[in-house]
Amino acid sequence: MKRYWYILMNDSYDDFGVLIPDGSHKQTAINHAKRWMQENGVKSAQLSVNSMLTSNILDIIQIEI
């Protein structure tokens, strides 16, 4: 069962519009975000982890390349 949906944002919390598949494993989403960041020359971003059940933000993960 998929528990989370993700939003990749810049430091101002603006959505990059990246499609990160819904899932149950945060590390898979982080890896997907890092690949996108490398391909698009983004050095720093934040990954918002949201609950599929409540739509609440559960975590904000800082990602640096």
N, C-alpha and C. Protein backbone atom coordinates (compact mmCIF):
# COMPACT_ATOMS: atom_id res chain seq x y z
N MET A 1 0.84 -1.18 0.00
CA MET A 1 0.00 0.00 0.00
C MET A 1 0.89 1.25 0.00
N LYS A 2 0.57 2.18 -0.84
CA LYS A 2 1.32 3.43 -0.92
C LYS A 2 0.88 4.34 0.21
N ARG A 3 1.87 4.84 0.97
CA ARG A 3 1.55 5.67 2.13
C ARG A 3 1.82 7.14 1.92
N TYR A 4 2.77 7.45 1.02
CA TYR A 4 3.24 8.83 0.91
C TYR A 4 3.13 9.35 -0.52
N TRP A 5 2.98 10.67 -0.64
CA TRP A 5 3.17 11.35 -1.91
C TRP A 5 4.15 12.48 -1.65
N TYR A 6 4.87 12.88 -2.69
CA TYR A 6 6.03 13.74 -2.52
C TYR A 6 5.95 14.98 -3.40
N ILE A 7 6.56 16.06 -2.89
CA ILE A 7 6.70 17.29 -3.64
C ILE A 7 8.15 17.75 -3.49
N LEU A 8 8.83 17.97 -4.61
CA LEU A 8 10.19 18.50 -4.58
C LEU A 8 10.12 20.01 -4.74
N MET A 9 10.72 20.73 -3.77
CA MET A 9 10.59 22.18 -3.72
C MET A 9 11.97 22.84 -3.63
N ASN A 10 12.02 24.12 -4.03
CA ASN A 10 13.25 24.89 -3.83
C ASN A 10 13.26 25.43 -2.40
N ASP A 11 14.28 26.22 -2.08
CA ASP A 11 14.43 26.72 -0.71
C ASP A 11 13.33 27.71 -0.30
N SER A 12 12.58 28.23 -1.28
CA SER A 12 11.46 29.13 -0.99
C SER A 12 10.13 28.38 -0.94
N TYR A 13 10.21 27.05 -0.94
CA TYR A 13 9.04 26.16 -0.90
C TYR A 13 8.18 26.25 -2.16
N ASP A 14 8.78 26.63 -3.29
CA ASP A 14 8.07 26.61 -4.58
C ASP A 14 8.26 25.23 -5.21
N ASP A 15 7.19 24.66 -5.71
CA ASP A 15 7.20 23.32 -6.30
C ASP A 15 7.98 23.35 -7.62
N PHE A 16 8.90 22.39 -7.80
CA PHE A 16 9.63 22.25 -9.06
C PHE A 16 8.76 21.60 -10.13
N GLY A 17 7.66 20.98 -9.75
CA GLY A 17 6.79 20.31 -10.72
C GLY A 17 7.32 18.95 -11.16
N VAL A 18 8.12 18.33 -10.33
CA VAL A 18 8.72 17.03 -10.64
C VAL A 18 7.74 15.92 -10.27
N LEU A 19 7.60 14.95 -11.16
CA LEU A 19 6.74 13.80 -10.86
C LEU A 19 7.57 12.76 -10.12
N ILE A 20 7.31 12.63 -8.85
CA ILE A 20 7.95 11.59 -8.02
C ILE A 20 6.84 10.61 -7.66
N PRO A 21 7.00 9.34 -8.07
CA PRO A 21 5.92 8.37 -7.83
C PRO A 21 5.56 8.22 -6.35
N ASP A 22 4.27 8.06 -6.08
CA ASP A 22 3.80 7.77 -4.73
C ASP A 22 4.41 6.45 -4.27
N GLY A 23 4.57 6.29 -2.97
CA GLY A 23 5.14 5.03 -2.50
C GLY A 23 5.16 4.91 -1.01
N SER A 24 5.83 3.85 -0.56
CA SER A 24 5.93 3.55 0.87
C SER A 24 7.34 3.75 1.39
N HIS A 25 8.30 3.99 0.50
CA HIS A 25 9.69 4.11 0.91
C HIS A 25 10.23 5.50 0.58
N LYS A 26 10.60 6.23 1.61
CA LYS A 26 11.12 7.58 1.43
C LYS A 26 12.44 7.57 0.66
N GLN A 27 13.29 6.57 0.90
CA GLN A 27 14.60 6.53 0.25
C GLN A 27 14.46 6.43 -1.26
N THR A 28 13.48 5.71 -1.76
CA THR A 28 13.25 5.62 -3.20
C THR A 28 12.91 6.99 -3.76
N ALA A 29 12.09 7.75 -3.05
CA ALA A 29 11.74 9.10 -3.48
C ALA A 29 12.94 10.03 -3.44
N ILE A 30 13.77 9.89 -2.41
CA ILE A 30 14.98 10.70 -2.30
C ILE A 30 15.92 10.42 -3.47
N ASN A 31 16.09 9.15 -3.80
CA ASN A 31 16.95 8.77 -4.93
C ASN A 31 16.41 9.33 -6.24
N HIS A 32 15.11 9.28 -6.43
CA HIS A 32 14.48 9.83 -7.63
C HIS A 32 14.71 11.35 -7.70
N ALA A 33 14.54 12.01 -6.57
CA ALA A 33 14.74 13.46 -6.50
C ALA A 33 16.19 13.82 -6.82
N LYS A 34 17.14 13.06 -6.29
CA LYS A 34 18.56 13.33 -6.53
C LYS A 34 18.90 13.17 -8.01
N ARG A 35 18.35 12.14 -8.64
CA ARG A 35 18.59 11.95 -10.08
C ARG A 35 18.08 13.15 -10.87
N TRP A 36 16.86 13.60 -10.54
CA TRP A 36 16.28 14.75 -11.24
C TRP A 36 17.13 15.99 -11.00
N MET A 37 17.58 16.19 -9.78
CA MET A 37 18.39 17.35 -9.44
C MET A 37 19.70 17.36 -10.22
N GLN A 38 20.35 16.20 -10.34
CA GLN A 38 21.59 16.11 -11.10
C GLN A 38 21.36 16.41 -12.57
N GLU A 39 20.28 15.89 -13.14
CA GLU A 39 19.97 16.10 -14.55
C GLU A 39 19.63 17.56 -14.85
N ASN A 40 19.12 18.29 -13.85
CA ASN A 40 18.66 19.65 -14.06
C ASN A 40 19.52 20.72 -13.38
N GLY A 41 20.66 20.31 -12.84
CA GLY A 41 21.60 21.26 -12.27
C GLY A 41 21.13 21.95 -11.00
N VAL A 42 20.28 21.30 -10.25
CA VAL A 42 19.79 21.85 -8.98
C VAL A 42 20.69 21.33 -7.86
N LYS A 43 21.25 22.22 -7.08
CA LYS A 43 22.20 21.83 -6.02
C LYS A 43 21.52 21.57 -4.68
N SER A 44 20.41 22.24 -4.41
CA SER A 44 19.75 22.12 -3.10
C SER A 44 18.24 22.12 -3.30
N ALA A 45 17.56 21.24 -2.59
CA ALA A 45 16.10 21.17 -2.68
C ALA A 45 15.55 20.56 -1.40
N GLN A 46 14.24 20.65 -1.27
CA GLN A 46 13.55 20.06 -0.13
C GLN A 46 12.47 19.12 -0.65
N LEU A 47 12.40 17.95 -0.04
CA LEU A 47 11.40 16.96 -0.40
C LEU A 47 10.33 16.92 0.68
N SER A 48 9.12 17.28 0.31
CA SER A 48 7.99 17.24 1.24
C SER A 48 7.38 15.84 1.18
N VAL A 49 7.26 15.21 2.34
CA VAL A 49 6.66 13.88 2.46
C VAL A 49 5.26 14.08 3.03
N ASN A 50 4.24 13.67 2.28
CA ASN A 50 2.85 13.90 2.65
C ASN A 50 2.11 12.59 2.83
N SER A 51 1.19 12.54 3.76
CA SER A 51 0.41 11.35 4.04
C SER A 51 -0.71 11.18 3.00
N MET A 52 -0.82 9.98 2.46
CA MET A 52 -1.92 9.67 1.54
C MET A 52 -3.25 9.64 2.29
N LEU A 53 -3.21 9.26 3.55
CA LEU A 53 -4.42 9.12 4.35
C LEU A 53 -4.99 10.47 4.78
N THR A 54 -4.13 11.35 5.27
CA THR A 54 -4.62 12.62 5.83
C THR A 54 -4.25 13.85 5.01
N SER A 55 -3.35 13.70 4.01
CA SER A 55 -2.83 14.80 3.20
C SER A 55 -1.98 15.78 4.01
N ASN A 56 -1.62 15.43 5.22
CA ASN A 56 -0.76 16.27 6.05
C ASN A 56 0.70 16.11 5.65
N ILE A 57 1.50 17.16 5.84
CA ILE A 57 2.93 17.07 5.65
C ILE A 57 3.51 16.33 6.85
N LEU A 58 4.23 15.25 6.59
CA LEU A 58 4.81 14.44 7.65
C LEU A 58 6.28 14.79 7.90
N ASP A 59 6.96 15.22 6.84
CA ASP A 59 8.39 15.48 6.97
C ASP A 59 8.82 16.36 5.80
N ILE A 60 9.87 17.15 6.04
CA ILE A 60 10.53 17.91 4.98
C ILE A 60 11.99 17.49 5.04
N ILE A 61 12.48 16.91 3.95
CA ILE A 61 13.84 16.39 3.91
C ILE A 61 14.69 17.30 3.04
N GLN A 62 15.77 17.81 3.61
CA GLN A 62 16.70 18.66 2.86
C GLN A 62 17.62 17.77 2.05
N ILE A 63 17.73 18.04 0.75
CA ILE A 63 18.59 17.25 -0.14
C ILE A 63 19.64 18.17 -0.75
N GLU A 64 20.89 17.78 -0.63
CA GLU A 64 22.01 18.52 -1.20
C GLU A 64 22.76 17.60 -2.19
N ILE A 65 23.16 18.16 -3.29
CA ILE A 65 23.97 17.40 -4.26
C ILE A 65 25.39 17.93 -4.21
